[in-house]
Amino acid sequence: MGMGFAFSTVLAADAPTLWAHATSIKGINRELSPLRMSAPADLRGPDGLDRLLPRVPGQGLFVSWVTLLGVIPLDRHVFGLDRIVPNEGFWERSRTALMRDWRHVRTLEPVVGGTRLTDQVWFESRVPGLDRLLAGLYRGVFRKRHAVLRRLFGAVEAPTDQPSGP
């Protein structure tokens, strides 16, 4: 069946600044804390996910463990990207131990006074009924991510939260 949602916030920063944050493992983990995402050593530098640009879109690019406090494993994530455009956005399509399909699209759109950062998420679990149970948890994670972004970069406009499809 699957479920989805979207969050959008206008931040008081330019797209290159937000891109550098959003594509670094350090930035991702700062947004996710106390959750953490692991990554291969070659993706932990300042170029972050930009290092994935020459790889084949849609392939499983690396395996990441999502953990609580860096210790308690919560999910195994086979990370894939359909598309990545520096300073504009990425289109992640992955699968996890819990999710048959996980899609996360993050876009950056320059607007007056800053940049609109939008996260669209759609997922389909491997277990019937699990989507509804996890939907609130995932929404909470992204609500918190946008709160962290507002704290780090300042907000120009109040965030929006809405349902979203694949």
N, C-alpha and C. Protein backbone atom coordinates (compact mmCIF):
# COMPACT_ATOMS: atom_id res chain seq x y z
N MET A 1 0.82 -1.19 0.00
CA MET A 1 0.00 0.00 0.00
C MET A 1 0.87 1.26 0.00
N GLY A 2 1.68 1.47 1.01
CA GLY A 2 2.59 2.60 1.07
C GLY A 2 1.95 3.86 1.61
N MET A 3 2.80 4.74 2.13
CA MET A 3 2.36 6.02 2.69
C MET A 3 3.42 7.06 2.40
N GLY A 4 3.02 8.32 2.49
CA GLY A 4 4.00 9.38 2.25
C GLY A 4 3.62 10.67 2.92
N PHE A 5 4.57 11.59 2.95
CA PHE A 5 4.37 12.92 3.53
C PHE A 5 5.45 13.84 2.99
N ALA A 6 5.28 15.12 3.23
CA ALA A 6 6.27 16.10 2.81
C ALA A 6 6.39 17.20 3.85
N PHE A 7 7.58 17.72 4.02
CA PHE A 7 7.85 18.88 4.86
C PHE A 7 8.60 19.89 4.01
N SER A 8 8.27 21.16 4.17
CA SER A 8 8.93 22.20 3.42
C SER A 8 9.19 23.39 4.35
N THR A 9 10.39 23.94 4.30
CA THR A 9 10.77 25.07 5.13
C THR A 9 11.61 26.03 4.30
N VAL A 10 11.34 27.33 4.42
CA VAL A 10 12.19 28.32 3.78
C VAL A 10 13.24 28.73 4.81
N LEU A 11 14.49 28.46 4.48
CA LEU A 11 15.61 28.72 5.38
C LEU A 11 16.40 29.94 4.93
N ALA A 12 16.99 30.64 5.87
CA ALA A 12 17.76 31.86 5.59
C ALA A 12 19.20 31.51 5.24
N ALA A 13 19.36 30.72 4.20
CA ALA A 13 20.69 30.32 3.71
C ALA A 13 20.58 30.08 2.22
N ASP A 14 21.73 30.18 1.53
CA ASP A 14 21.71 29.92 0.09
C ASP A 14 21.79 28.42 -0.19
N ALA A 15 21.44 28.04 -1.41
CA ALA A 15 21.39 26.62 -1.79
C ALA A 15 22.75 25.93 -1.62
N PRO A 16 23.88 26.53 -2.04
CA PRO A 16 25.16 25.84 -1.85
C PRO A 16 25.48 25.53 -0.38
N THR A 17 25.14 26.44 0.53
CA THR A 17 25.37 26.19 1.96
C THR A 17 24.52 25.03 2.45
N LEU A 18 23.24 25.03 2.06
CA LEU A 18 22.35 23.94 2.47
C LEU A 18 22.74 22.62 1.83
N TRP A 19 23.20 22.67 0.58
CA TRP A 19 23.64 21.46 -0.12
C TRP A 19 24.84 20.83 0.60
N ALA A 20 25.80 21.65 0.97
CA ALA A 20 26.98 21.14 1.67
C ALA A 20 26.58 20.44 2.96
N HIS A 21 25.63 21.02 3.67
CA HIS A 21 25.16 20.41 4.92
C HIS A 21 24.39 19.11 4.63
N ALA A 22 23.44 19.18 3.69
CA ALA A 22 22.51 18.07 3.43
C ALA A 22 23.18 16.85 2.83
N THR A 23 24.34 17.01 2.23
CA THR A 23 25.00 15.88 1.57
C THR A 23 26.24 15.40 2.31
N SER A 24 26.47 15.95 3.50
CA SER A 24 27.58 15.44 4.31
C SER A 24 27.01 14.50 5.37
N ILE A 25 27.72 13.45 5.66
CA ILE A 25 27.27 12.51 6.69
C ILE A 25 27.17 13.23 8.03
N LYS A 26 28.09 14.14 8.28
CA LYS A 26 28.03 14.93 9.52
C LYS A 26 26.73 15.74 9.58
N GLY A 27 26.35 16.39 8.48
CA GLY A 27 25.11 17.16 8.43
C GLY A 27 23.88 16.28 8.58
N ILE A 28 23.89 15.16 7.88
CA ILE A 28 22.76 14.22 7.97
C ILE A 28 22.59 13.74 9.40
N ASN A 29 23.69 13.35 10.03
CA ASN A 29 23.60 12.85 11.41
C ASN A 29 23.24 13.95 12.40
N ARG A 30 23.61 15.18 12.10
CA ARG A 30 23.22 16.30 12.95
C ARG A 30 21.70 16.46 12.92
N GLU A 31 21.11 16.32 11.72
CA GLU A 31 19.65 16.40 11.59
C GLU A 31 18.97 15.22 12.27
N LEU A 32 19.54 14.04 12.16
CA LEU A 32 18.91 12.81 12.67
C LEU A 32 19.08 12.59 14.17
N SER A 33 20.08 13.18 14.79
CA SER A 33 20.42 12.88 16.18
C SER A 33 19.17 12.82 17.07
N PRO A 34 19.04 11.82 17.90
CA PRO A 34 20.01 10.84 18.37
C PRO A 34 20.16 9.62 17.46
N LEU A 35 19.44 9.60 16.33
CA LEU A 35 19.67 8.54 15.35
C LEU A 35 20.96 8.86 14.61
N ARG A 36 21.59 7.85 14.06
CA ARG A 36 22.81 8.04 13.29
C ARG A 36 22.76 7.13 12.07
N MET A 37 23.35 7.61 10.98
CA MET A 37 23.45 6.82 9.76
C MET A 37 24.93 6.57 9.50
N SER A 38 25.28 5.32 9.27
CA SER A 38 26.68 5.01 8.96
C SER A 38 26.91 5.19 7.47
N ALA A 39 28.17 5.31 7.09
CA ALA A 39 28.54 5.44 5.68
C ALA A 39 29.97 4.97 5.50
N PRO A 40 30.31 4.52 4.28
CA PRO A 40 31.69 4.13 4.02
C PRO A 40 32.64 5.31 4.23
N ALA A 41 33.87 5.02 4.57
CA ALA A 41 34.86 6.05 4.88
C ALA A 41 35.01 7.09 3.76
N ASP A 42 34.93 6.66 2.50
CA ASP A 42 35.13 7.61 1.39
C ASP A 42 33.97 8.60 1.25
N LEU A 43 32.87 8.39 1.95
CA LEU A 43 31.74 9.32 1.89
C LEU A 43 31.65 10.21 3.12
N ARG A 44 32.59 10.07 4.05
CA ARG A 44 32.54 10.84 5.29
C ARG A 44 33.29 12.16 5.21
N GLY A 45 33.92 12.45 4.08
CA GLY A 45 34.67 13.69 3.93
C GLY A 45 33.77 14.86 3.58
N PRO A 46 34.36 16.01 3.30
CA PRO A 46 33.58 17.22 3.02
C PRO A 46 32.74 17.14 1.75
N ASP A 47 33.11 16.27 0.79
CA ASP A 47 32.32 16.14 -0.44
C ASP A 47 31.08 15.29 -0.23
N GLY A 48 31.04 14.48 0.82
CA GLY A 48 29.87 13.69 1.16
C GLY A 48 29.29 12.93 -0.01
N LEU A 49 27.96 13.05 -0.18
CA LEU A 49 27.26 12.31 -1.21
C LEU A 49 27.62 12.75 -2.62
N ASP A 50 28.21 13.94 -2.76
CA ASP A 50 28.66 14.38 -4.09
C ASP A 50 29.64 13.38 -4.69
N ARG A 51 30.33 12.61 -3.86
CA ARG A 51 31.27 11.60 -4.35
C ARG A 51 30.54 10.46 -5.07
N LEU A 52 29.22 10.39 -4.92
CA LEU A 52 28.44 9.34 -5.58
C LEU A 52 28.07 9.71 -7.02
N LEU A 53 28.33 10.96 -7.41
CA LEU A 53 27.90 11.44 -8.74
C LEU A 53 28.31 10.55 -9.90
N PRO A 54 29.53 10.03 -9.97
CA PRO A 54 29.87 9.24 -11.15
C PRO A 54 29.29 7.82 -11.14
N ARG A 55 28.66 7.40 -10.06
CA ARG A 55 28.15 6.03 -9.98
C ARG A 55 26.82 5.89 -10.71
N VAL A 56 26.45 4.66 -10.96
CA VAL A 56 25.24 4.36 -11.74
C VAL A 56 23.98 4.67 -10.91
N PRO A 57 23.04 5.49 -11.46
CA PRO A 57 21.80 5.79 -10.74
C PRO A 57 20.98 4.53 -10.50
N GLY A 58 20.29 4.51 -9.35
CA GLY A 58 19.38 3.41 -9.05
C GLY A 58 20.03 2.19 -8.44
N GLN A 59 21.35 2.06 -8.53
CA GLN A 59 22.03 0.92 -7.92
C GLN A 59 22.07 1.08 -6.41
N GLY A 60 22.15 -0.04 -5.69
CA GLY A 60 22.46 0.03 -4.28
C GLY A 60 23.90 0.50 -4.17
N LEU A 61 24.11 1.69 -3.62
CA LEU A 61 25.45 2.30 -3.62
C LEU A 61 26.27 1.92 -2.40
N PHE A 62 25.60 1.82 -1.27
CA PHE A 62 26.29 1.36 -0.06
C PHE A 62 25.25 0.94 0.96
N VAL A 63 25.71 0.19 1.95
CA VAL A 63 24.84 -0.24 3.04
C VAL A 63 25.11 0.66 4.23
N SER A 64 24.04 1.14 4.84
CA SER A 64 24.14 2.00 6.00
C SER A 64 23.31 1.39 7.12
N TRP A 65 23.82 1.49 8.32
CA TRP A 65 23.05 1.09 9.48
C TRP A 65 22.50 2.34 10.14
N VAL A 66 21.21 2.33 10.43
CA VAL A 66 20.60 3.41 11.21
C VAL A 66 20.58 2.91 12.64
N THR A 67 21.19 3.70 13.52
CA THR A 67 21.31 3.29 14.91
C THR A 67 20.78 4.37 15.84
N LEU A 68 20.47 3.99 17.04
CA LEU A 68 20.12 4.92 18.09
C LEU A 68 21.38 5.15 18.91
N LEU A 69 21.79 6.41 19.00
CA LEU A 69 22.99 6.81 19.75
C LEU A 69 24.26 6.15 19.21
N GLY A 70 24.24 5.70 17.96
CA GLY A 70 25.42 5.08 17.36
C GLY A 70 25.69 3.68 17.86
N VAL A 71 24.77 3.11 18.65
CA VAL A 71 25.03 1.82 19.28
C VAL A 71 23.94 0.79 18.99
N ILE A 72 22.67 1.17 19.13
CA ILE A 72 21.56 0.22 19.02
C ILE A 72 21.07 0.20 17.56
N PRO A 73 21.29 -0.91 16.83
CA PRO A 73 20.85 -0.97 15.44
C PRO A 73 19.32 -0.98 15.34
N LEU A 74 18.79 -0.12 14.44
CA LEU A 74 17.35 -0.04 14.24
C LEU A 74 16.93 -0.56 12.87
N ASP A 75 17.77 -0.34 11.85
CA ASP A 75 17.42 -0.76 10.50
C ASP A 75 18.68 -0.80 9.64
N ARG A 76 18.66 -1.69 8.66
CA ARG A 76 19.75 -1.81 7.67
C ARG A 76 19.23 -1.21 6.38
N HIS A 77 19.95 -0.24 5.84
CA HIS A 77 19.50 0.58 4.72
C HIS A 77 20.43 0.35 3.54
N VAL A 78 19.91 -0.16 2.42
CA VAL A 78 20.69 -0.28 1.18
C VAL A 78 20.40 1.00 0.40
N PHE A 79 21.34 1.92 0.45
CA PHE A 79 21.16 3.28 -0.04
C PHE A 79 21.36 3.34 -1.56
N GLY A 80 20.41 3.94 -2.25
CA GLY A 80 20.52 4.14 -3.69
C GLY A 80 20.05 5.52 -4.08
N LEU A 81 20.55 6.02 -5.18
CA LEU A 81 20.14 7.33 -5.70
C LEU A 81 19.70 7.18 -7.14
N ASP A 82 18.53 7.73 -7.46
CA ASP A 82 18.09 7.78 -8.85
C ASP A 82 18.70 8.99 -9.55
N ARG A 83 18.88 10.06 -8.78
CA ARG A 83 19.37 11.30 -9.38
C ARG A 83 19.96 12.19 -8.28
N ILE A 84 21.01 12.92 -8.63
CA ILE A 84 21.59 13.88 -7.72
C ILE A 84 22.06 15.07 -8.55
N VAL A 85 21.59 16.27 -8.19
CA VAL A 85 21.94 17.50 -8.90
C VAL A 85 22.46 18.47 -7.85
N PRO A 86 23.77 18.73 -7.83
CA PRO A 86 24.34 19.61 -6.81
C PRO A 86 23.59 20.95 -6.72
N ASN A 87 23.34 21.36 -5.49
CA ASN A 87 22.67 22.61 -5.15
C ASN A 87 21.19 22.65 -5.52
N GLU A 88 20.65 21.53 -6.05
CA GLU A 88 19.22 21.48 -6.40
C GLU A 88 18.49 20.36 -5.70
N GLY A 89 19.12 19.18 -5.58
CA GLY A 89 18.43 18.12 -4.88
C GLY A 89 18.91 16.72 -5.21
N PHE A 90 18.36 15.76 -4.45
CA PHE A 90 18.64 14.36 -4.72
C PHE A 90 17.35 13.57 -4.65
N TRP A 91 17.35 12.43 -5.35
CA TRP A 91 16.21 11.53 -5.43
C TRP A 91 16.71 10.16 -4.99
N GLU A 92 16.52 9.89 -3.71
CA GLU A 92 16.95 8.62 -3.13
C GLU A 92 15.88 7.57 -3.32
N ARG A 93 16.31 6.38 -3.68
CA ARG A 93 15.40 5.23 -3.73
C ARG A 93 16.17 4.06 -3.14
N SER A 94 15.75 3.67 -1.96
CA SER A 94 16.48 2.66 -1.21
C SER A 94 15.53 1.57 -0.75
N ARG A 95 16.11 0.58 -0.11
CA ARG A 95 15.31 -0.43 0.56
C ARG A 95 15.98 -0.70 1.90
N THR A 96 15.18 -1.13 2.84
CA THR A 96 15.71 -1.38 4.17
C THR A 96 15.22 -2.74 4.65
N ALA A 97 15.68 -3.15 5.80
CA ALA A 97 15.20 -4.40 6.37
C ALA A 97 13.69 -4.32 6.62
N LEU A 98 13.20 -3.13 6.97
CA LEU A 98 11.77 -2.94 7.25
C LEU A 98 10.97 -2.52 6.02
N MET A 99 11.62 -1.81 5.09
CA MET A 99 10.91 -1.20 3.96
C MET A 99 11.26 -1.87 2.63
N ARG A 100 10.24 -2.29 1.90
CA ARG A 100 10.41 -2.81 0.54
C ARG A 100 10.86 -1.68 -0.37
N ASP A 101 10.33 -0.48 -0.12
CA ASP A 101 10.64 0.68 -0.94
C ASP A 101 10.68 1.91 -0.04
N TRP A 102 11.76 2.66 -0.11
CA TRP A 102 11.92 3.91 0.63
C TRP A 102 12.38 4.97 -0.36
N ARG A 103 11.61 6.02 -0.50
CA ARG A 103 11.97 7.11 -1.40
C ARG A 103 12.03 8.41 -0.61
N HIS A 104 13.12 9.13 -0.79
CA HIS A 104 13.30 10.42 -0.14
C HIS A 104 13.83 11.39 -1.18
N VAL A 105 13.04 12.40 -1.48
CA VAL A 105 13.44 13.45 -2.42
C VAL A 105 13.65 14.72 -1.61
N ARG A 106 14.84 15.27 -1.69
CA ARG A 106 15.11 16.57 -1.05
C ARG A 106 15.45 17.55 -2.15
N THR A 107 14.68 18.64 -2.20
CA THR A 107 14.92 19.67 -3.21
C THR A 107 15.23 21.00 -2.54
N LEU A 108 16.04 21.78 -3.23
CA LEU A 108 16.42 23.12 -2.79
C LEU A 108 15.99 24.09 -3.88
N GLU A 109 15.19 25.08 -3.51
CA GLU A 109 14.68 26.05 -4.47
C GLU A 109 14.95 27.46 -3.96
N PRO A 110 15.79 28.22 -4.68
CA PRO A 110 16.03 29.61 -4.25
C PRO A 110 14.74 30.42 -4.26
N VAL A 111 14.51 31.17 -3.18
CA VAL A 111 13.36 32.07 -3.06
C VAL A 111 13.86 33.37 -2.45
N VAL A 112 13.02 34.39 -2.46
CA VAL A 112 13.41 35.66 -1.87
C VAL A 112 13.75 35.46 -0.40
N GLY A 113 14.94 35.85 -0.01
CA GLY A 113 15.37 35.77 1.38
C GLY A 113 16.01 34.46 1.80
N GLY A 114 16.09 33.48 0.90
CA GLY A 114 16.69 32.22 1.29
C GLY A 114 16.44 31.10 0.30
N THR A 115 16.23 29.90 0.83
CA THR A 115 16.05 28.71 0.01
C THR A 115 14.95 27.85 0.62
N ARG A 116 14.03 27.41 -0.22
CA ARG A 116 13.00 26.47 0.24
C ARG A 116 13.59 25.06 0.16
N LEU A 117 13.67 24.40 1.31
CA LEU A 117 14.13 23.01 1.39
C LEU A 117 12.90 22.15 1.61
N THR A 118 12.68 21.21 0.70
CA THR A 118 11.51 20.33 0.79
C THR A 118 11.97 18.88 0.83
N ASP A 119 11.44 18.14 1.77
CA ASP A 119 11.65 16.70 1.87
C ASP A 119 10.33 16.02 1.57
N GLN A 120 10.32 15.14 0.56
CA GLN A 120 9.17 14.30 0.26
C GLN A 120 9.61 12.87 0.54
N VAL A 121 8.79 12.16 1.30
CA VAL A 121 9.11 10.79 1.69
C VAL A 121 7.93 9.89 1.34
N TRP A 122 8.21 8.74 0.77
CA TRP A 122 7.21 7.74 0.50
C TRP A 122 7.83 6.38 0.84
N PHE A 123 7.07 5.54 1.49
CA PHE A 123 7.61 4.24 1.89
C PHE A 123 6.53 3.17 1.83
N GLU A 124 7.01 1.94 1.64
CA GLU A 124 6.14 0.77 1.65
C GLU A 124 6.86 -0.32 2.44
N SER A 125 6.23 -0.76 3.51
CA SER A 125 6.88 -1.75 4.38
C SER A 125 6.79 -3.15 3.80
N ARG A 126 7.62 -4.01 4.33
CA ARG A 126 7.60 -5.42 3.95
C ARG A 126 6.51 -6.18 4.70
N VAL A 127 6.02 -5.60 5.79
CA VAL A 127 5.03 -6.26 6.65
C VAL A 127 3.70 -5.52 6.54
N PRO A 128 2.62 -6.21 6.16
CA PRO A 128 1.31 -5.55 6.06
C PRO A 128 0.94 -4.84 7.37
N GLY A 129 0.47 -3.61 7.24
CA GLY A 129 0.05 -2.84 8.42
C GLY A 129 1.15 -2.05 9.10
N LEU A 130 2.40 -2.35 8.79
CA LEU A 130 3.50 -1.66 9.46
C LEU A 130 3.61 -0.20 9.01
N ASP A 131 3.17 0.09 7.77
CA ASP A 131 3.23 1.47 7.26
C ASP A 131 2.56 2.44 8.23
N ARG A 132 1.34 2.12 8.61
CA ARG A 132 0.58 3.01 9.50
C ARG A 132 1.27 3.17 10.85
N LEU A 133 1.83 2.11 11.36
CA LEU A 133 2.51 2.16 12.65
C LEU A 133 3.75 3.05 12.59
N LEU A 134 4.51 2.94 11.49
CA LEU A 134 5.76 3.69 11.37
C LEU A 134 5.58 5.11 10.83
N ALA A 135 4.43 5.40 10.22
CA ALA A 135 4.21 6.71 9.62
C ALA A 135 4.41 7.84 10.63
N GLY A 136 3.85 7.70 11.81
CA GLY A 136 4.00 8.73 12.84
C GLY A 136 5.45 8.90 13.27
N LEU A 137 6.16 7.79 13.38
CA LEU A 137 7.57 7.84 13.76
C LEU A 137 8.38 8.58 12.69
N TYR A 138 8.19 8.20 11.43
CA TYR A 138 8.95 8.84 10.35
C TYR A 138 8.61 10.32 10.22
N ARG A 139 7.33 10.66 10.36
CA ARG A 139 6.94 12.07 10.32
C ARG A 139 7.64 12.84 11.45
N GLY A 140 7.69 12.22 12.62
CA GLY A 140 8.37 12.85 13.76
C GLY A 140 9.84 13.08 13.49
N VAL A 141 10.49 12.11 12.85
CA VAL A 141 11.92 12.26 12.52
C VAL A 141 12.11 13.44 11.57
N PHE A 142 11.26 13.56 10.55
CA PHE A 142 11.43 14.66 9.59
C PHE A 142 10.98 16.00 10.18
N ARG A 143 9.99 15.99 11.06
CA ARG A 143 9.60 17.22 11.76
C ARG A 143 10.80 17.73 12.56
N LYS A 144 11.47 16.81 13.24
CA LYS A 144 12.64 17.19 14.03
C LYS A 144 13.78 17.66 13.13
N ARG A 145 13.98 16.97 11.99
CA ARG A 145 15.04 17.38 11.05
C ARG A 145 14.83 18.83 10.62
N HIS A 146 13.58 19.18 10.31
CA HIS A 146 13.32 20.56 9.88
C HIS A 146 13.48 21.54 11.04
N ALA A 147 13.20 21.13 12.26
CA ALA A 147 13.45 22.00 13.42
C ALA A 147 14.95 22.24 13.58
N VAL A 148 15.75 21.20 13.38
CA VAL A 148 17.21 21.34 13.45
C VAL A 148 17.68 22.30 12.35
N LEU A 149 17.17 22.14 11.15
CA LEU A 149 17.56 23.03 10.04
C LEU A 149 17.19 24.47 10.36
N ARG A 150 16.02 24.72 10.93
CA ARG A 150 15.62 26.08 11.29
C ARG A 150 16.54 26.65 12.36
N ARG A 151 16.93 25.82 13.32
CA ARG A 151 17.84 26.27 14.37
C ARG A 151 19.22 26.60 13.80
N LEU A 152 19.71 25.77 12.87
CA LEU A 152 21.04 25.98 12.31
C LEU A 152 21.11 27.15 11.33
N PHE A 153 20.06 27.31 10.51
CA PHE A 153 20.14 28.28 9.41
C PHE A 153 19.15 29.43 9.50
N GLY A 154 18.22 29.37 10.44
CA GLY A 154 17.19 30.40 10.56
C GLY A 154 16.08 30.15 9.55
N ALA A 155 14.86 30.52 9.94
CA ALA A 155 13.70 30.31 9.06
C ALA A 155 13.19 31.64 8.55
N VAL A 156 12.85 31.67 7.29
CA VAL A 156 12.26 32.86 6.66
C VAL A 156 10.74 32.74 6.69
N GLU A 157 10.25 31.51 6.66
CA GLU A 157 8.82 31.24 6.55
C GLU A 157 8.49 30.01 7.40
N ALA A 158 7.29 29.97 7.96
CA ALA A 158 6.87 28.83 8.77
C ALA A 158 6.87 27.56 7.93
N PRO A 159 7.25 26.42 8.51
CA PRO A 159 7.27 25.16 7.77
C PRO A 159 5.87 24.65 7.44
N THR A 160 5.78 23.83 6.40
CA THR A 160 4.54 23.16 6.07
C THR A 160 4.74 21.66 6.18
N ASP A 161 3.68 20.96 6.49
CA ASP A 161 3.70 19.51 6.67
C ASP A 161 2.45 18.98 5.97
N GLN A 162 2.63 18.08 5.01
CA GLN A 162 1.48 17.61 4.25
C GLN A 162 1.66 16.17 3.78
N PRO A 163 0.54 15.49 3.47
CA PRO A 163 0.64 14.15 2.90
C PRO A 163 1.31 14.23 1.52
N SER A 164 1.89 13.13 1.08
CA SER A 164 2.57 13.10 -0.22
C SER A 164 2.51 11.70 -0.79
N GLY A 165 2.54 11.60 -2.11
CA GLY A 165 2.55 10.30 -2.78
C GLY A 165 3.92 9.98 -3.33
N PRO A 166 4.06 8.85 -4.02
CA PRO A 166 5.36 8.44 -4.56
C PRO A 166 5.85 9.34 -5.67
